[in-house]
PDB file of N, CA and C in Angstrom:
ATOM      1  N   MET A   1      85.057  74.500 106.140  1.00  0.00           N
ATOM      2  CA  MET A   1      85.105  75.930 105.988  1.00  0.00           C
ATOM      3  C   MET A   1      86.190  76.627 106.945  1.00  0.00           C
ATOM      4  N   ARG A   2      85.957  76.443 108.054  1.00  0.00           N
ATOM      5  CA  ARG A   2      86.576  77.065 109.291  1.00  0.00           C
ATOM      6  C   ARG A   2      87.985  76.678 109.383  1.00  0.00           C
ATOM      7  N   GLY A   3      88.079  75.308 108.945  1.00  0.00           N
ATOM      8  CA  GLY A   3      89.637  75.123 108.681  1.00  0.00           C
ATOM      9  C   GLY A   3      90.366  75.789 107.947  1.00  0.00           C
ATOM     10  N   ILE A   4      89.798  76.175 106.565  1.00  0.00           N
ATOM     11  CA  ILE A   4      90.446  76.551 105.423  1.00  0.00           C
ATOM     12  C   ILE A   4      90.490  78.241 105.988  1.00  0.00           C
ATOM     13  N   ARG A   5      89.486  78.770 106.693  1.00  0.00           N
ATOM     14  CA  ARG A   5      89.793  80.098 106.974  1.00  0.00           C
ATOM     15  C   ARG A   5      90.981  80.140 108.023  1.00  0.00           C
ATOM     16  N   LEU A   6      90.947  79.028 109.117  1.00  0.00           N
ATOM     17  CA  LEU A   6      91.998  79.420 110.089  1.00  0.00           C
ATOM     18  C   LEU A   6      93.556  79.268 109.416  1.00  0.00           C
ATOM     19  N   PHE A   7      93.560  78.435 108.149  1.00  0.00           N
ATOM     20  CA  PHE A   7      94.696  77.899 107.416  1.00  0.00           C
ATOM     21  C   PHE A   7      95.103  79.480 106.713  1.00  0.00           C
ATOM     22  N   LEU A   8      94.195  80.289 105.843  1.00  0.00           N
ATOM     23  CA  LEU A   8      94.555  81.292 105.482  1.00  0.00           C
ATOM     24  C   LEU A   8      94.889  82.421 106.176  1.00  0.00           C
ATOM     25  N   GLN A   9      94.456  82.371 107.498  1.00  0.00           N
ATOM     26  CA  GLN A   9      94.699  83.587 108.353  1.00  0.00           C
ATOM     27  C   GLN A   9      96.175  83.114 108.952  1.00  0.00           C
ATOM     28  N   PHE A  10      96.453  81.853 109.150  1.00  0.00           N
ATOM     29  CA  PHE A  10      97.982  81.473 109.339  1.00  0.00           C
ATOM     30  C   PHE A  10      98.770  81.739 108.322  1.00  0.00           C
ATOM     31  N   LEU A  11      98.605  81.465 107.307  1.00  0.00           N
ATOM     32  CA  LEU A  11      99.583  81.895 106.005  1.00  0.00           C
ATOM     33  C   LEU A  11      99.535  83.331 106.084  1.00  0.00           C
ATOM     34  N   LEU A  12      98.855  84.440 106.390  1.00  0.00           N
ATOM     35  CA  LEU A  12      98.855  85.608 106.077  1.00  0.00           C
ATOM     36  C   LEU A  12      99.451  86.137 107.302  1.00  0.00           C
ATOM     37  N   ILE A  13      99.747  85.582 108.315  1.00  0.00           N
ATOM     38  CA  ILE A  13     100.243  86.352 109.728  1.00  0.00           C
ATOM     39  C   ILE A  13     101.795  85.655 109.520  1.00  0.00           C
ATOM     40  N   ILE A  14     101.954  84.605 108.822  1.00  0.00           N
ATOM     41  CA  ILE A  14     103.512  83.963 108.487  1.00  0.00           C
ATOM     42  C   ILE A  14     104.156  84.839 107.597  1.00  0.00           C
ATOM     43  N   SER A  15     103.170  85.311 106.679  1.00  0.00           N
ATOM     44  CA  SER A  15     103.809  85.916 105.301  1.00  0.00           C
ATOM     45  C   SER A  15     104.108  87.329 106.132  1.00  0.00           C
ATOM     46  N   VAL A  16     103.565  88.248 107.143  1.00  0.00           N
ATOM     47  CA  VAL A  16     103.331  89.284 107.325  1.00  0.00           C
ATOM     48  C   VAL A  16     104.817  89.247 108.322  1.00  0.00           C
ATOM     49  N   VAL A  17     104.843  88.508 109.116  1.00  0.00           N
ATOM     50  CA  VAL A  17     106.027  88.341 109.925  1.00  0.00           C
ATOM     51  C   VAL A  17     107.588  88.087 109.309  1.00  0.00           C
ATOM     52  N   ILE A  18     107.465  87.514 107.969  1.00  0.00           N
ATOM     53  CA  ILE A  18     108.407  87.226 107.189  1.00  0.00           C
ATOM     54  C   ILE A  18     108.808  88.481 106.702  1.00  0.00           C
ATOM     55  N   ILE A  19     107.887  88.833 105.683  1.00  0.00           N
ATOM     56  CA  ILE A  19     108.321  90.336 105.152  1.00  0.00           C
ATOM     57  C   ILE A  19     108.409  91.522 106.423  1.00  0.00           C
ATOM     58  N   GLY A  20     108.216  91.548 107.587  1.00  0.00           N
ATOM     59  CA  GLY A  20     108.597  92.240 108.592  1.00  0.00           C
ATOM     60  C   GLY A  20     110.061  91.832 108.724  1.00  0.00           C
ATOM     61  N   ALA A  21     110.482  90.592 108.934  1.00  0.00           N
ATOM     62  CA  ALA A  21     111.926  90.201 109.287  1.00  0.00           C
ATOM     63  C   ALA A  21     112.646  90.807 107.995  1.00  0.00           C
ATOM     64  N   PHE A  22     112.273  90.562 107.152  1.00  0.00           N
ATOM     65  CA  PHE A  22     113.064  91.067 105.750  1.00  0.00           C
ATOM     66  C   PHE A  22     113.195  92.541 105.722  1.00  0.00           C
ATOM     67  N   PHE A  23     112.375  93.433 105.934  1.00  0.00           N
ATOM     68  CA  PHE A  23     112.196  94.820 106.078  1.00  0.00           C
ATOM     69  C   PHE A  23     113.177  95.114 107.310  1.00  0.00           C
ATOM     70  N   ALA A  24     113.273  94.720 108.431  1.00  0.00           N
ATOM     71  CA  ALA A  24     114.147  94.999 109.558  1.00  0.00           C
ATOM     72  C   ALA A  24     115.486  94.704 109.206  1.00  0.00           C
ATOM     73  N   MET A  25     115.764  93.565 108.588  1.00  0.00           N
ATOM     74  CA  MET A  25     117.192  93.275 108.125  1.00  0.00           C
ATOM     75  C   MET A  25     117.622  93.934 106.883  1.00  0.00           C
ATOM     76  N   GLU A  26     116.775  94.582 106.272  1.00  0.00           N
ATOM     77  CA  GLU A  26     117.310  95.553 105.003  1.00  0.00           C
ATOM     78  C   GLU A  26     117.881  97.000 105.528  1.00  0.00           C
ATOM     79  N   ASN A  27     116.880  97.351 106.710  1.00  0.00           N
ATOM     80  CA  ASN A  27     117.189  98.806 107.076  1.00  0.00           C
ATOM     81  C   ASN A  27     117.899  98.562 108.723  1.00  0.00           C
ATOM     82  N   SER A  28     119.153  98.278 108.663  1.00  0.00           N
ATOM     83  CA  SER A  28     119.915  97.972 109.632  1.00  0.00           C
ATOM     84  C   SER A  28     120.609  98.797 110.246  1.00  0.00           C
ATOM     85  N   GLN A  29     120.720 100.154 110.027  1.00  0.00           N
ATOM     86  CA  GLN A  29     121.182 101.273 110.481  1.00  0.00           C
ATOM     87  C   GLN A  29     120.783 101.420 111.858  1.00  0.00           C
ATOM     88  N   ILE A  30     121.635 101.442 112.696  1.00  0.00           N
ATOM     89  CA  ILE A  30     121.078 101.727 114.420  1.00  0.00           C
ATOM     90  C   ILE A  30     120.747 103.377 114.111  1.00  0.00           C
ATOM     91  N   VAL A  31     119.592 103.386 115.181  1.00  0.00           N
ATOM     92  CA  VAL A  31     119.184 104.528 115.499  1.00  0.00           C
ATOM     93  C   VAL A  31     118.744 104.698 116.834  1.00  0.00           C
ATOM     94  N   ASN A  32     119.290 105.752 117.647  1.00  0.00           N
ATOM     95  CA  ASN A  32     118.601 106.137 118.744  1.00  0.00           C
ATOM     96  C   ASN A  32     117.295 107.002 118.898  1.00  0.00           C
ATOM     97  N   VAL A  33     116.403 106.456 119.531  1.00  0.00           N
ATOM     98  CA  VAL A  33     115.254 107.420 119.674  1.00  0.00           C
ATOM     99  C   VAL A  33     115.156 107.827 121.041  1.00  0.00           C
ATOM    100  N   SER A  34     114.861 109.302 120.857  1.00  0.00           N
ATOM    101  CA  SER A  34     114.641 109.726 122.292  1.00  0.00           C
ATOM    102  C   SER A  34     113.353 110.498 122.484  1.00  0.00           C
ATOM    103  N   PHE A  35     112.629 109.713 123.586  1.00  0.00           N
ATOM    104  CA  PHE A  35     111.298 109.900 123.906  1.00  0.00           C
ATOM    105  C   PHE A  35     111.169 111.039 124.851  1.00  0.00           C
ATOM    106  N   ILE A  36     110.156 111.999 125.266  1.00  0.00           N
ATOM    107  CA  ILE A  36     110.158 112.892 125.922  1.00  0.00           C
ATOM    108  C   ILE A  36     110.809 112.922 127.118  1.00  0.00           C
ATOM    109  N   LEU A  37     110.682 111.735 128.058  1.00  0.00           N
ATOM    110  CA  LEU A  37     111.585 111.842 129.295  1.00  0.00           C
ATOM    111  C   LEU A  37     112.736 110.655 129.404  1.00  0.00           C
ATOM    112  N   ILE A  38     112.660 109.703 128.625  1.00  0.00           N
ATOM    113  CA  ILE A  38     113.302 108.840 128.791  1.00  0.00           C
ATOM    114  C   ILE A  38     114.371 108.603 126.915  1.00  0.00           C
ATOM    115  N   ASP A  39     115.182 107.747 127.090  1.00  0.00           N
ATOM    116  CA  ASP A  39     115.940 107.534 126.051  1.00  0.00           C
ATOM    117  C   ASP A  39     115.262 106.159 125.469  1.00  0.00           C
ATOM    118  N   GLY A  40     115.047 105.946 124.264  1.00  0.00           N
ATOM    119  CA  GLY A  40     114.825 104.392 123.918  1.00  0.00           C
ATOM    120  C   GLY A  40     116.322 103.677 123.564  1.00  0.00           C
ATOM    121  N   PRO A  41     116.187 102.013 123.648  1.00  0.00           N
ATOM    122  CA  PRO A  41     117.374 101.539 123.232  1.00  0.00           C
ATOM    123  C   PRO A  41     117.576 101.568 121.806  1.00  0.00           C
ATOM    124  N   SER A  42     119.022 101.329 121.539  1.00  0.00           N
ATOM    125  CA  SER A  42     119.469 101.783 120.062  1.00  0.00           C
ATOM    126  C   SER A  42     119.349 100.230 119.499  1.00  0.00           C
ATOM    127  N   LEU A  43     118.297 100.511 118.515  1.00  0.00           N
ATOM    128  CA  LEU A  43     117.942  99.336 117.681  1.00  0.00           C
ATOM    129  C   LEU A  43     118.058  99.937 116.020  1.00  0.00           C
ATOM    130  N   SER A  44     117.808  98.908 115.031  1.00  0.00           N
ATOM    131  CA  SER A  44     117.887  99.219 114.182  1.00  0.00           C
ATOM    132  C   SER A  44     116.688 100.144 113.654  1.00  0.00           C
ATOM    133  N   ALA A  45     116.897 100.703 112.374  1.00  0.00           N
ATOM    134  CA  ALA A  45     115.689 101.573 111.760  1.00  0.00           C
ATOM    135  C   ALA A  45     114.583 100.613 111.584  1.00  0.00           C
ATOM    136  N   GLY A  46     114.681  99.450 111.004  1.00  0.00           N
ATOM    137  CA  GLY A  46     113.672  98.700 110.710  1.00  0.00           C
ATOM    138  C   GLY A  46     112.914  98.230 111.953  1.00  0.00           C
ATOM    139  N   VAL A  47     113.463  98.027 112.568  1.00  0.00           N
ATOM    140  CA  VAL A  47     113.247  97.553 113.948  1.00  0.00           C
ATOM    141  C   VAL A  47     112.103  98.479 114.673  1.00  0.00           C
ATOM    142  N   TRP A  48     112.797 100.047 114.909  1.00  0.00           N
ATOM    143  CA  TRP A  48     111.525 100.763 115.151  1.00  0.00           C
ATOM    144  C   TRP A  48     110.262 101.156 114.517  1.00  0.00           C
ATOM    145  N   MET A  49     110.706 101.095 113.244  1.00  0.00           N
ATOM    146  CA  MET A  49     109.617 101.282 112.207  1.00  0.00           C
ATOM    147  C   MET A  49     108.329 100.388 112.423  1.00  0.00           C
ATOM    148  N   LEU A  50     108.712  98.923 112.651  1.00  0.00           N
ATOM    149  CA  LEU A  50     107.896  97.842 112.948  1.00  0.00           C
ATOM    150  C   LEU A  50     107.388  97.796 114.162  1.00  0.00           C
ATOM    151  N   ILE A  51     108.187  98.685 115.239  1.00  0.00           N
ATOM    152  CA  ILE A  51     107.292  98.789 116.776  1.00  0.00           C
ATOM    153  C   ILE A  51     106.199 100.102 116.646  1.00  0.00           C
ATOM    154  N   PHE A  52     106.925 100.885 115.683  1.00  0.00           N
ATOM    155  CA  PHE A  52     105.596 101.976 115.842  1.00  0.00           C
ATOM    156  C   PHE A  52     104.428 101.722 114.792  1.00  0.00           C
ATOM    157  N   LEU A  53     104.716 100.879 113.877  1.00  0.00           N
ATOM    158  CA  LEU A  53     103.813 100.181 113.175  1.00  0.00           C
ATOM    159  C   LEU A  53     102.631  99.492 113.947  1.00  0.00           C
ATOM    160  N   ALA A  54     103.219  98.651 114.469  1.00  0.00           N
ATOM    161  CA  ALA A  54     102.377  97.617 115.416  1.00  0.00           C
ATOM    162  C   ALA A  54     101.666  98.817 116.775  1.00  0.00           C
ATOM    163  N   LEU A  55     102.373  99.684 117.171  1.00  0.00           N
ATOM    164  CA  LEU A  55     101.678 100.217 118.354  1.00  0.00           C
ATOM    165  C   LEU A  55     100.807 101.410 117.361  1.00  0.00           C
ATOM    166  N   GLY A  56     100.803 101.897 116.373  1.00  0.00           N
ATOM    167  CA  GLY A  56      99.842 102.621 115.789  1.00  0.00           C
ATOM    168  C   GLY A  56      98.841 101.645 115.434  1.00  0.00           C
ATOM    169  N   SER A  57      99.082 100.735 114.712  1.00  0.00           N
ATOM    170  CA  SER A  57      97.628  99.783 114.146  1.00  0.00           C
ATOM    171  C   SER A  57      96.995  99.455 115.758  1.00  0.00           C
ATOM    172  N   PHE A  58      97.512  98.880 116.929  1.00  0.00           N
ATOM    173  CA  PHE A  58      96.770  98.632 118.274  1.00  0.00           C
ATOM    174  C   PHE A  58      95.997  99.810 118.450  1.00  0.00           C
ATOM    175  N   LEU A  59      96.612 101.374 118.419  1.00  0.00           N
ATOM    176  CA  LEU A  59      95.691 102.444 118.745  1.00  0.00           C
ATOM    177  C   LEU A  59      94.851 102.511 118.003  1.00  0.00           C
ATOM    178  N   GLY A  60      95.256 102.369 116.759  1.00  0.00           N
ATOM    179  CA  GLY A  60      93.777 102.708 115.835  1.00  0.00           C
ATOM    180  C   GLY A  60      92.801 101.410 116.189  1.00  0.00           C
ATOM    181  N   MET A  61      92.944 100.527 116.067  1.00  0.00           N
ATOM    182  CA  MET A  61      91.978  99.232 116.306  1.00  0.00           C
ATOM    183  C   MET A  61      91.543  99.790 117.640  1.00  0.00           C
ATOM    184  N   LEU A  62      91.955  99.763 118.510  1.00  0.00           N
ATOM    185  CA  LEU A  62      91.513 100.629 120.066  1.00  0.00           C
ATOM    186  C   LEU A  62      90.681 101.599 120.035  1.00  0.00           C
ATOM    187  N   ALA A  63      90.706 102.613 119.364  1.00  0.00           N
ATOM    188  CA  ALA A  63      89.852 103.688 118.914  1.00  0.00           C
ATOM    189  C   ALA A  63      88.644 103.627 118.114  1.00  0.00           C
ATOM    190  N   SER A  64      88.789 102.509 117.094  1.00  0.00           N
ATOM    191  CA  SER A  64      87.764 102.232 116.533  1.00  0.00           C
ATOM    192  C   SER A  64      86.866 101.301 117.126  1.00  0.00           C
ATOM    193  N   SER A  65      87.228 100.632 118.305  1.00  0.00           N
ATOM    194  CA  SER A  65      86.363  99.726 118.921  1.00  0.00           C
ATOM    195  C   SER A  65      85.713 100.419 119.829  1.00  0.00           C
ATOM    196  N   VAL A  66      86.229 101.244 120.180  1.00  0.00           N
ATOM    197  CA  VAL A  66      85.437 102.569 120.994  1.00  0.00           C
ATOM    198  C   VAL A  66      83.886 102.801 120.064  1.00  0.00           C
ATOM    199  N   LEU A  67      84.682 103.275 119.166  1.00  0.00           N
ATOM    200  CA  LEU A  67      83.125 103.901 118.302  1.00  0.00           C
ATOM    201  C   LEU A  67      82.394 102.917 118.059  1.00  0.00           C
ATOM    202  N   ILE A  68      82.944 101.672 117.798  1.00  0.00           N
ATOM    203  CA  ILE A  68      82.170 100.473 117.574  1.00  0.00           C
ATOM    204  C   ILE A  68      81.074 100.291 118.588  1.00  0.00           C
ATOM    205  N   ILE A  69      81.567 100.183 119.856  1.00  0.00           N
ATOM    206  CA  ILE A  69      80.810  99.881 121.183  1.00  0.00           C
ATOM    207  C   ILE A  69      79.623 100.874 121.091  1.00  0.00           C
ATOM    208  N   SER A  70      80.238 102.330 120.903  1.00  0.00           N
ATOM    209  CA  SER A  70      79.378 103.149 121.084  1.00  0.00           C
ATOM    210  C   SER A  70      78.240 103.335 120.391  1.00  0.00           C
ATOM    211  N   TYR A  71      78.548 102.863 118.712  1.00  0.00           N
ATOM    212  CA  TYR A  71      77.150 102.739 117.848  1.00  0.00           C
ATOM    213  C   TYR A  71      76.592 101.430 118.295  1.00  0.00           C
ATOM    214  N   ARG A  72      76.987 100.609 118.782  1.00  0.00           N
ATOM    215  CA  ARG A  72      75.994  99.188 119.154  1.00  0.00           C
ATOM    216  C   ARG A  72      75.064  99.249 120.434  1.00  0.00           C
ATOM    217  N   ARG A  73      75.959 100.332 121.348  1.00  0.00           N
ATOM    218  CA  ARG A  73      74.909 100.950 122.226  1.00  0.00           C
ATOM    219  C   ARG A  73      73.584 101.680 121.790  1.00  0.00           C
ATOM    220  N   ARG A  74      74.070 102.538 120.895  1.00  0.00           N
ATOM    221  CA  ARG A  74      73.130 103.271 120.337  1.00  0.00           C
ATOM    222  C   ARG A  74      72.023 103.063 119.693  1.00  0.00           C
ATOM    223  N   LEU A  75      72.597 101.774 118.747  1.00  0.00           N
ATOM    224  CA  LEU A  75      71.476 100.840 118.125  1.00  0.00           C
ATOM    225  C   LEU A  75      70.859  99.947 119.120  1.00  0.00           C
ATOM    226  N   SER A  76      71.331  99.444 120.294  1.00  0.00           N
ATOM    227  CA  SER A  76      70.353  98.748 121.107  1.00  0.00           C
ATOM    228  C   SER A  76      69.283  99.462 121.513  1.00  0.00           C
ATOM    229  N   ARG A  77      69.841 100.609 122.152  1.00  0.00           N
ATOM    230  CA  ARG A  77      69.007 101.493 122.649  1.00  0.00           C
ATOM    231  C   ARG A  77      67.573 102.010 121.800  1.00  0.00           C
ATOM    232  N   ALA A  78      68.200 101.995 120.464  1.00  0.00           N
ATOM    233  CA  ALA A  78      66.994 102.500 119.385  1.00  0.00           C
ATOM    234  C   ALA A  78      65.847 101.638 119.266  1.00  0.00           C
ATOM    235  N   THR A  79      66.484 100.179 119.078  1.00  0.00           N
ATOM    236  CA  THR A  79      65.872  98.920 118.849  1.00  0.00           C
ATOM    237  C   THR A  79      64.854  98.758 120.239  1.00  0.00           C
ATOM    238  N   LYS A  80      65.600  98.832 121.293  1.00  0.00           N
ATOM    239  CA  LYS A  80      64.496  98.494 122.544  1.00  0.00           C
ATOM    240  C   LYS A  80      63.495  99.844 122.766  1.00  0.00           C
ATOM    241  N   LYS A  81      63.250 100.593 122.070  1.00  0.00           N
ATOM    242  CA  LYS A  81      62.060 101.889 121.943  1.00  0.00           C
ATOM    243  C   LYS A  81      61.129 101.787 121.158  1.00  0.00           C
ATOM    244  N   ASP A  82      61.376 100.618 120.098  1.00  0.00           N
ATOM    245  CA  ASP A  82      60.497 100.403 119.311  1.00  0.00           C
ATOM    246  C   ASP A  82      59.793  99.201 119.408  1.00  0.00           C
TER     247      ASP A  82
END
């Protein structure tokens, strides 16, 4: 059962990478992104969108993990009192 799950995860990761590559190739217009203090490199619009998607996903997982840890701590304190 574990092997099947790992295989399905592998297929999901490979399919996301392939879709991302096609997306980046279709959106090949070069874009200059200017941050507050620095200028980013000139990359295609698709690559920038994929970078920001990955960064946003990472920040979302980080924020939700902070909440989950907080809730688990509250739960462990509540169960210790009983």
